[in-house]
């Protein structure tokens, strides 16, 4: 699924990596606020939905080759997290949706679960 489609589905705001949006395809998604679960269960790189807005989220995404992080519940990280994501070529999005409905909308649109 094209990243722009995901942005439209979630009515998301691009916080970082706007130049990367057009070229990105996302094949799977994983939703969690526990980075240990991301490390343990993510096997197919794709998109991470989370309510955490700290640098560890970006570091975890980098380790797992996750190219897109969606912050749910309208959360937005501070500028240091955005700068870190820019340095690592990770797209950051923010949506007002809660995690469960956001995951459901993406699943309904055809994005597979990790």
N, C-alpha and C. Protein backbone atom coordinates (compact mmCIF):
# COMPACT_ATOMS: atom_id res chain seq x y z
N UNK A 1 0.85 -1.17 0.00
CA UNK A 1 0.00 0.00 0.00
C UNK A 1 0.90 1.24 0.00
N UNK A 2 0.56 2.19 -0.82
CA UNK A 2 1.32 3.43 -0.86
C UNK A 2 1.14 4.21 0.45
N UNK A 3 2.21 4.84 0.90
CA UNK A 3 2.16 5.59 2.15
C UNK A 3 1.14 6.71 2.07
N UNK A 4 0.99 7.33 0.92
CA UNK A 4 0.01 8.41 0.79
C UNK A 4 -1.40 7.90 1.06
N UNK A 5 -1.70 6.67 0.67
CA UNK A 5 -3.01 6.09 0.96
C UNK A 5 -3.21 5.95 2.47
N UNK A 6 -2.17 5.54 3.17
CA UNK A 6 -2.24 5.40 4.62
C UNK A 6 -2.47 6.75 5.27
N UNK A 7 -1.77 7.76 4.80
CA UNK A 7 -1.95 9.12 5.32
C UNK A 7 -3.40 9.56 5.14
N UNK A 8 -3.95 9.26 3.98
CA UNK A 8 -5.35 9.64 3.71
C UNK A 8 -6.32 8.86 4.60
N UNK A 9 -6.11 7.56 4.74
CA UNK A 9 -7.00 6.73 5.55
C UNK A 9 -7.02 7.20 7.00
N UNK A 10 -5.85 7.52 7.53
CA UNK A 10 -5.74 7.92 8.94
C UNK A 10 -5.91 9.42 9.15
N UNK A 11 -6.06 10.17 8.05
CA UNK A 11 -6.10 11.63 8.13
C UNK A 11 -4.91 12.11 8.96
N UNK A 12 -3.74 11.60 8.61
CA UNK A 12 -2.53 11.83 9.38
C UNK A 12 -1.77 13.07 8.90
N UNK A 13 -1.04 13.63 9.83
CA UNK A 13 -0.16 14.76 9.56
C UNK A 13 1.26 14.22 9.44
N UNK A 14 2.00 14.66 8.44
CA UNK A 14 3.39 14.26 8.27
C UNK A 14 4.26 15.17 9.14
N UNK A 15 4.98 14.56 10.07
CA UNK A 15 5.84 15.32 10.98
C UNK A 15 7.30 15.30 10.54
N UNK A 16 7.67 14.27 9.83
CA UNK A 16 9.06 14.08 9.41
C UNK A 16 9.09 13.22 8.16
N UNK A 17 10.04 13.50 7.28
CA UNK A 17 10.23 12.65 6.11
C UNK A 17 9.26 12.90 4.97
N UNK A 18 8.76 14.11 4.85
CA UNK A 18 7.79 14.43 3.80
C UNK A 18 8.32 14.09 2.41
N UNK A 19 9.61 14.26 2.20
CA UNK A 19 10.20 13.97 0.88
C UNK A 19 10.19 12.48 0.56
N UNK A 20 10.03 11.64 1.57
CA UNK A 20 10.06 10.19 1.36
C UNK A 20 8.67 9.60 1.08
N UNK A 21 7.63 10.37 1.33
CA UNK A 21 6.26 9.85 1.27
C UNK A 21 5.91 9.26 -0.09
N UNK A 22 6.23 9.96 -1.16
CA UNK A 22 5.81 9.51 -2.49
C UNK A 22 6.42 8.18 -2.90
N UNK A 23 7.62 7.88 -2.44
CA UNK A 23 8.28 6.66 -2.89
C UNK A 23 8.10 5.46 -1.99
N UNK A 24 7.38 5.60 -0.89
CA UNK A 24 7.29 4.50 0.07
C UNK A 24 6.06 3.62 -0.15
N UNK A 25 6.32 2.32 -0.10
CA UNK A 25 5.27 1.31 -0.09
C UNK A 25 5.35 0.63 1.28
N UNK A 26 4.21 0.38 1.89
CA UNK A 26 4.15 -0.29 3.18
C UNK A 26 3.37 -1.58 3.00
N UNK A 27 3.95 -2.68 3.47
CA UNK A 27 3.35 -4.00 3.27
C UNK A 27 2.68 -4.57 4.51
N UNK A 28 3.02 -4.03 5.69
CA UNK A 28 2.48 -4.58 6.93
C UNK A 28 2.52 -3.52 8.03
N UNK A 29 1.73 -3.77 9.08
CA UNK A 29 1.69 -2.83 10.20
C UNK A 29 1.67 -3.59 11.52
N UNK A 30 2.15 -2.92 12.55
CA UNK A 30 2.20 -3.48 13.90
C UNK A 30 1.88 -2.36 14.86
N UNK A 31 0.98 -2.60 15.79
CA UNK A 31 0.63 -1.58 16.77
C UNK A 31 1.03 -2.00 18.17
N UNK A 32 1.81 -1.17 18.86
CA UNK A 32 2.21 -1.50 20.22
C UNK A 32 2.80 -0.28 20.91
N UNK A 33 2.59 -0.22 22.23
CA UNK A 33 3.27 0.78 23.05
C UNK A 33 4.44 0.14 23.80
N UNK A 34 4.66 -1.13 23.59
CA UNK A 34 5.77 -1.84 24.24
C UNK A 34 6.84 -2.14 23.20
N UNK A 35 7.95 -1.44 23.27
CA UNK A 35 9.01 -1.63 22.29
C UNK A 35 9.61 -3.03 22.40
N UNK A 36 9.53 -3.66 23.56
CA UNK A 36 10.00 -5.04 23.69
C UNK A 36 9.17 -5.97 22.81
N UNK A 37 7.88 -5.71 22.68
CA UNK A 37 7.04 -6.52 21.78
C UNK A 37 7.42 -6.27 20.32
N UNK A 38 7.74 -5.05 19.99
CA UNK A 38 8.16 -4.74 18.62
C UNK A 38 9.43 -5.53 18.31
N UNK A 39 10.38 -5.52 19.24
CA UNK A 39 11.63 -6.26 19.03
C UNK A 39 11.39 -7.76 18.94
N UNK A 40 10.43 -8.27 19.69
CA UNK A 40 10.18 -9.71 19.74
C UNK A 40 9.35 -10.23 18.59
N UNK A 41 8.41 -9.43 18.08
CA UNK A 41 7.42 -9.97 17.15
C UNK A 41 7.46 -9.43 15.73
N UNK A 42 8.09 -8.30 15.50
CA UNK A 42 8.09 -7.74 14.16
C UNK A 42 9.06 -8.53 13.28
N UNK A 43 8.53 -9.09 12.22
CA UNK A 43 9.35 -9.85 11.28
C UNK A 43 9.26 -9.28 9.87
N UNK A 44 8.28 -8.47 9.62
CA UNK A 44 8.08 -7.89 8.30
C UNK A 44 8.11 -6.37 8.46
N UNK A 45 9.16 -5.78 7.95
CA UNK A 45 9.33 -4.35 8.11
C UNK A 45 8.15 -3.60 7.49
N UNK A 46 7.76 -2.55 8.13
CA UNK A 46 6.63 -1.79 7.60
C UNK A 46 6.36 -0.56 8.42
N UNK A 47 5.21 -0.55 9.07
CA UNK A 47 4.71 0.63 9.77
C UNK A 47 4.43 0.26 11.22
N UNK A 48 4.81 1.15 12.13
CA UNK A 48 4.56 0.95 13.55
C UNK A 48 3.58 2.01 14.03
N UNK A 49 2.49 1.59 14.66
CA UNK A 49 1.56 2.50 15.31
C UNK A 49 1.82 2.45 16.80
N UNK A 50 1.96 3.62 17.43
CA UNK A 50 2.26 3.66 18.85
C UNK A 50 1.80 4.98 19.47
N UNK A 51 1.65 4.95 20.78
CA UNK A 51 1.34 6.16 21.52
C UNK A 51 2.56 6.73 22.22
N UNK A 52 3.69 6.06 22.08
CA UNK A 52 4.93 6.54 22.69
C UNK A 52 5.60 7.56 21.79
N UNK A 53 6.15 8.60 22.37
CA UNK A 53 6.76 9.66 21.57
C UNK A 53 8.20 9.94 22.01
N UNK A 54 8.90 8.92 22.46
CA UNK A 54 10.27 9.13 22.93
C UNK A 54 11.29 8.63 21.89
N UNK A 55 12.56 8.97 22.08
CA UNK A 55 13.59 8.56 21.10
C UNK A 55 13.72 7.05 20.95
N UNK A 56 13.37 6.28 21.98
CA UNK A 56 13.49 4.83 21.88
C UNK A 56 12.61 4.25 20.78
N UNK A 57 11.51 4.91 20.49
CA UNK A 57 10.63 4.45 19.40
C UNK A 57 11.38 4.52 18.07
N UNK A 58 12.06 5.62 17.84
CA UNK A 58 12.82 5.77 16.59
C UNK A 58 13.99 4.79 16.57
N UNK A 59 14.66 4.62 17.68
CA UNK A 59 15.79 3.67 17.75
C UNK A 59 15.31 2.24 17.48
N UNK A 60 14.17 1.88 18.04
CA UNK A 60 13.62 0.55 17.81
C UNK A 60 13.24 0.38 16.34
N UNK A 61 12.60 1.39 15.78
CA UNK A 61 12.23 1.33 14.36
C UNK A 61 13.47 1.16 13.48
N UNK A 62 14.52 1.88 13.82
CA UNK A 62 15.76 1.76 13.06
C UNK A 62 16.31 0.33 13.12
N UNK A 63 16.32 -0.25 14.31
CA UNK A 63 16.83 -1.62 14.49
C UNK A 63 16.02 -2.64 13.70
N UNK A 64 14.71 -2.41 13.58
CA UNK A 64 13.83 -3.37 12.93
C UNK A 64 13.53 -3.01 11.47
N UNK A 65 14.23 -2.04 10.93
CA UNK A 65 14.03 -1.58 9.55
C UNK A 65 12.60 -1.13 9.29
N UNK A 66 12.00 -0.51 10.28
CA UNK A 66 10.66 0.07 10.13
C UNK A 66 10.82 1.47 9.57
N UNK A 67 10.13 1.76 8.49
CA UNK A 67 10.34 3.03 7.80
C UNK A 67 9.32 4.11 8.15
N UNK A 68 8.23 3.72 8.84
CA UNK A 68 7.17 4.67 9.15
C UNK A 68 6.67 4.43 10.57
N UNK A 69 6.57 5.51 11.35
CA UNK A 69 5.98 5.46 12.68
C UNK A 69 4.76 6.37 12.68
N UNK A 70 3.64 5.83 13.14
CA UNK A 70 2.42 6.62 13.27
C UNK A 70 2.13 6.80 14.76
N UNK A 71 2.11 8.03 15.21
CA UNK A 71 1.74 8.34 16.58
C UNK A 71 0.23 8.51 16.64
N UNK A 72 -0.41 7.74 17.50
CA UNK A 72 -1.86 7.77 17.61
C UNK A 72 -2.30 8.74 18.71
N UNK A 73 -3.60 8.96 18.81
CA UNK A 73 -4.22 9.82 19.82
C UNK A 73 -3.71 11.26 19.74
N UNK A 74 -3.32 11.69 18.56
CA UNK A 74 -2.89 13.07 18.36
C UNK A 74 -1.55 13.41 18.97
N UNK A 75 -0.81 12.42 19.38
CA UNK A 75 0.48 12.68 20.02
C UNK A 75 1.51 13.12 19.00
N UNK A 76 2.40 14.00 19.46
CA UNK A 76 3.49 14.50 18.62
C UNK A 76 4.75 14.56 19.46
N UNK A 77 5.85 14.04 18.91
CA UNK A 77 7.10 14.05 19.66
C UNK A 77 7.74 15.44 19.66
N UNK A 78 8.71 15.61 20.54
CA UNK A 78 9.42 16.90 20.55
C UNK A 78 10.42 16.93 19.39
N UNK A 79 11.03 18.08 19.22
CA UNK A 79 11.88 18.32 18.06
C UNK A 79 13.08 17.38 18.02
N UNK A 80 13.60 16.95 19.16
CA UNK A 80 14.76 16.04 19.15
C UNK A 80 14.41 14.69 18.53
N UNK A 81 13.20 14.21 18.77
CA UNK A 81 12.76 12.93 18.18
C UNK A 81 12.55 13.10 16.68
N UNK A 82 11.99 14.21 16.28
CA UNK A 82 11.79 14.49 14.85
C UNK A 82 13.13 14.58 14.14
N UNK A 83 14.09 15.25 14.74
CA UNK A 83 15.43 15.36 14.14
C UNK A 83 16.10 13.99 14.03
N UNK A 84 15.93 13.14 15.04
CA UNK A 84 16.49 11.80 15.00
C UNK A 84 15.86 11.00 13.86
N UNK A 85 14.55 11.09 13.71
CA UNK A 85 13.87 10.39 12.62
C UNK A 85 14.35 10.89 11.26
N UNK A 86 14.52 12.20 11.14
CA UNK A 86 15.04 12.75 9.88
C UNK A 86 16.42 12.18 9.57
N UNK A 87 17.27 12.09 10.58
CA UNK A 87 18.63 11.57 10.39
C UNK A 87 18.62 10.10 9.99
N UNK A 88 17.60 9.37 10.41
CA UNK A 88 17.51 7.94 10.12
C UNK A 88 16.59 7.62 8.95
N UNK A 89 16.08 8.66 8.26
CA UNK A 89 15.16 8.49 7.12
C UNK A 89 13.93 7.69 7.50
N UNK A 90 13.36 8.03 8.65
CA UNK A 90 12.12 7.40 9.11
C UNK A 90 11.01 8.43 9.06
N UNK A 91 9.92 8.09 8.43
CA UNK A 91 8.78 8.99 8.32
C UNK A 91 7.99 8.94 9.62
N UNK A 92 7.66 10.11 10.15
CA UNK A 92 6.81 10.22 11.34
C UNK A 92 5.48 10.82 10.95
N UNK A 93 4.40 10.17 11.39
CA UNK A 93 3.05 10.66 11.16
C UNK A 93 2.34 10.79 12.49
N UNK A 94 1.32 11.63 12.53
CA UNK A 94 0.47 11.75 13.71
C UNK A 94 -0.98 11.72 13.26
N UNK A 95 -1.79 10.91 13.96
CA UNK A 95 -3.22 10.85 13.68
C UNK A 95 -3.99 11.05 14.98
N UNK A 96 -5.15 11.63 14.87
CA UNK A 96 -6.01 11.81 16.05
C UNK A 96 -6.68 10.51 16.46
N UNK A 97 -6.68 9.52 15.58
CA UNK A 97 -7.34 8.25 15.88
C UNK A 97 -6.63 7.52 17.02
N UNK A 98 -7.40 6.74 17.75
CA UNK A 98 -6.84 5.87 18.78
C UNK A 98 -6.23 4.66 18.08
N UNK A 99 -5.44 3.89 18.79
CA UNK A 99 -4.70 2.79 18.15
C UNK A 99 -5.62 1.73 17.54
N UNK A 100 -6.60 1.27 18.29
CA UNK A 100 -7.44 0.19 17.80
C UNK A 100 -8.18 0.56 16.50
N UNK A 101 -8.87 1.70 16.45
CA UNK A 101 -9.54 2.06 15.19
C UNK A 101 -8.55 2.30 14.05
N UNK A 102 -7.40 2.88 14.35
CA UNK A 102 -6.41 3.12 13.30
C UNK A 102 -5.93 1.80 12.70
N UNK A 103 -5.62 0.84 13.55
CA UNK A 103 -5.21 -0.48 13.07
C UNK A 103 -6.34 -1.12 12.26
N UNK A 104 -7.57 -1.01 12.75
CA UNK A 104 -8.71 -1.58 12.04
C UNK A 104 -8.92 -0.97 10.68
N UNK A 105 -8.80 0.34 10.57
CA UNK A 105 -8.96 1.01 9.27
C UNK A 105 -7.90 0.55 8.28
N UNK A 106 -6.67 0.41 8.74
CA UNK A 106 -5.60 -0.03 7.85
C UNK A 106 -5.80 -1.49 7.43
N UNK A 107 -6.24 -2.32 8.36
CA UNK A 107 -6.50 -3.72 8.05
C UNK A 107 -7.65 -3.84 7.05
N UNK A 108 -8.69 -3.06 7.29
CA UNK A 108 -9.86 -3.07 6.39
C UNK A 108 -9.46 -2.63 4.97
N UNK A 109 -8.49 -1.73 4.89
CA UNK A 109 -8.04 -1.23 3.58
C UNK A 109 -7.08 -2.20 2.88
N UNK A 110 -6.72 -3.30 3.58
CA UNK A 110 -5.89 -4.31 2.93
C UNK A 110 -4.46 -4.42 3.42
N UNK A 111 -4.08 -3.61 4.40
CA UNK A 111 -2.73 -3.70 4.93
C UNK A 111 -2.67 -4.89 5.89
N UNK A 112 -1.73 -5.78 5.67
CA UNK A 112 -1.68 -6.98 6.50
C UNK A 112 -1.02 -6.70 7.85
N UNK A 113 -1.30 -7.58 8.78
CA UNK A 113 -0.69 -7.49 10.10
C UNK A 113 0.70 -8.12 10.05
N UNK A 114 1.59 -7.64 10.90
CA UNK A 114 2.92 -8.24 10.99
C UNK A 114 2.78 -9.57 11.67
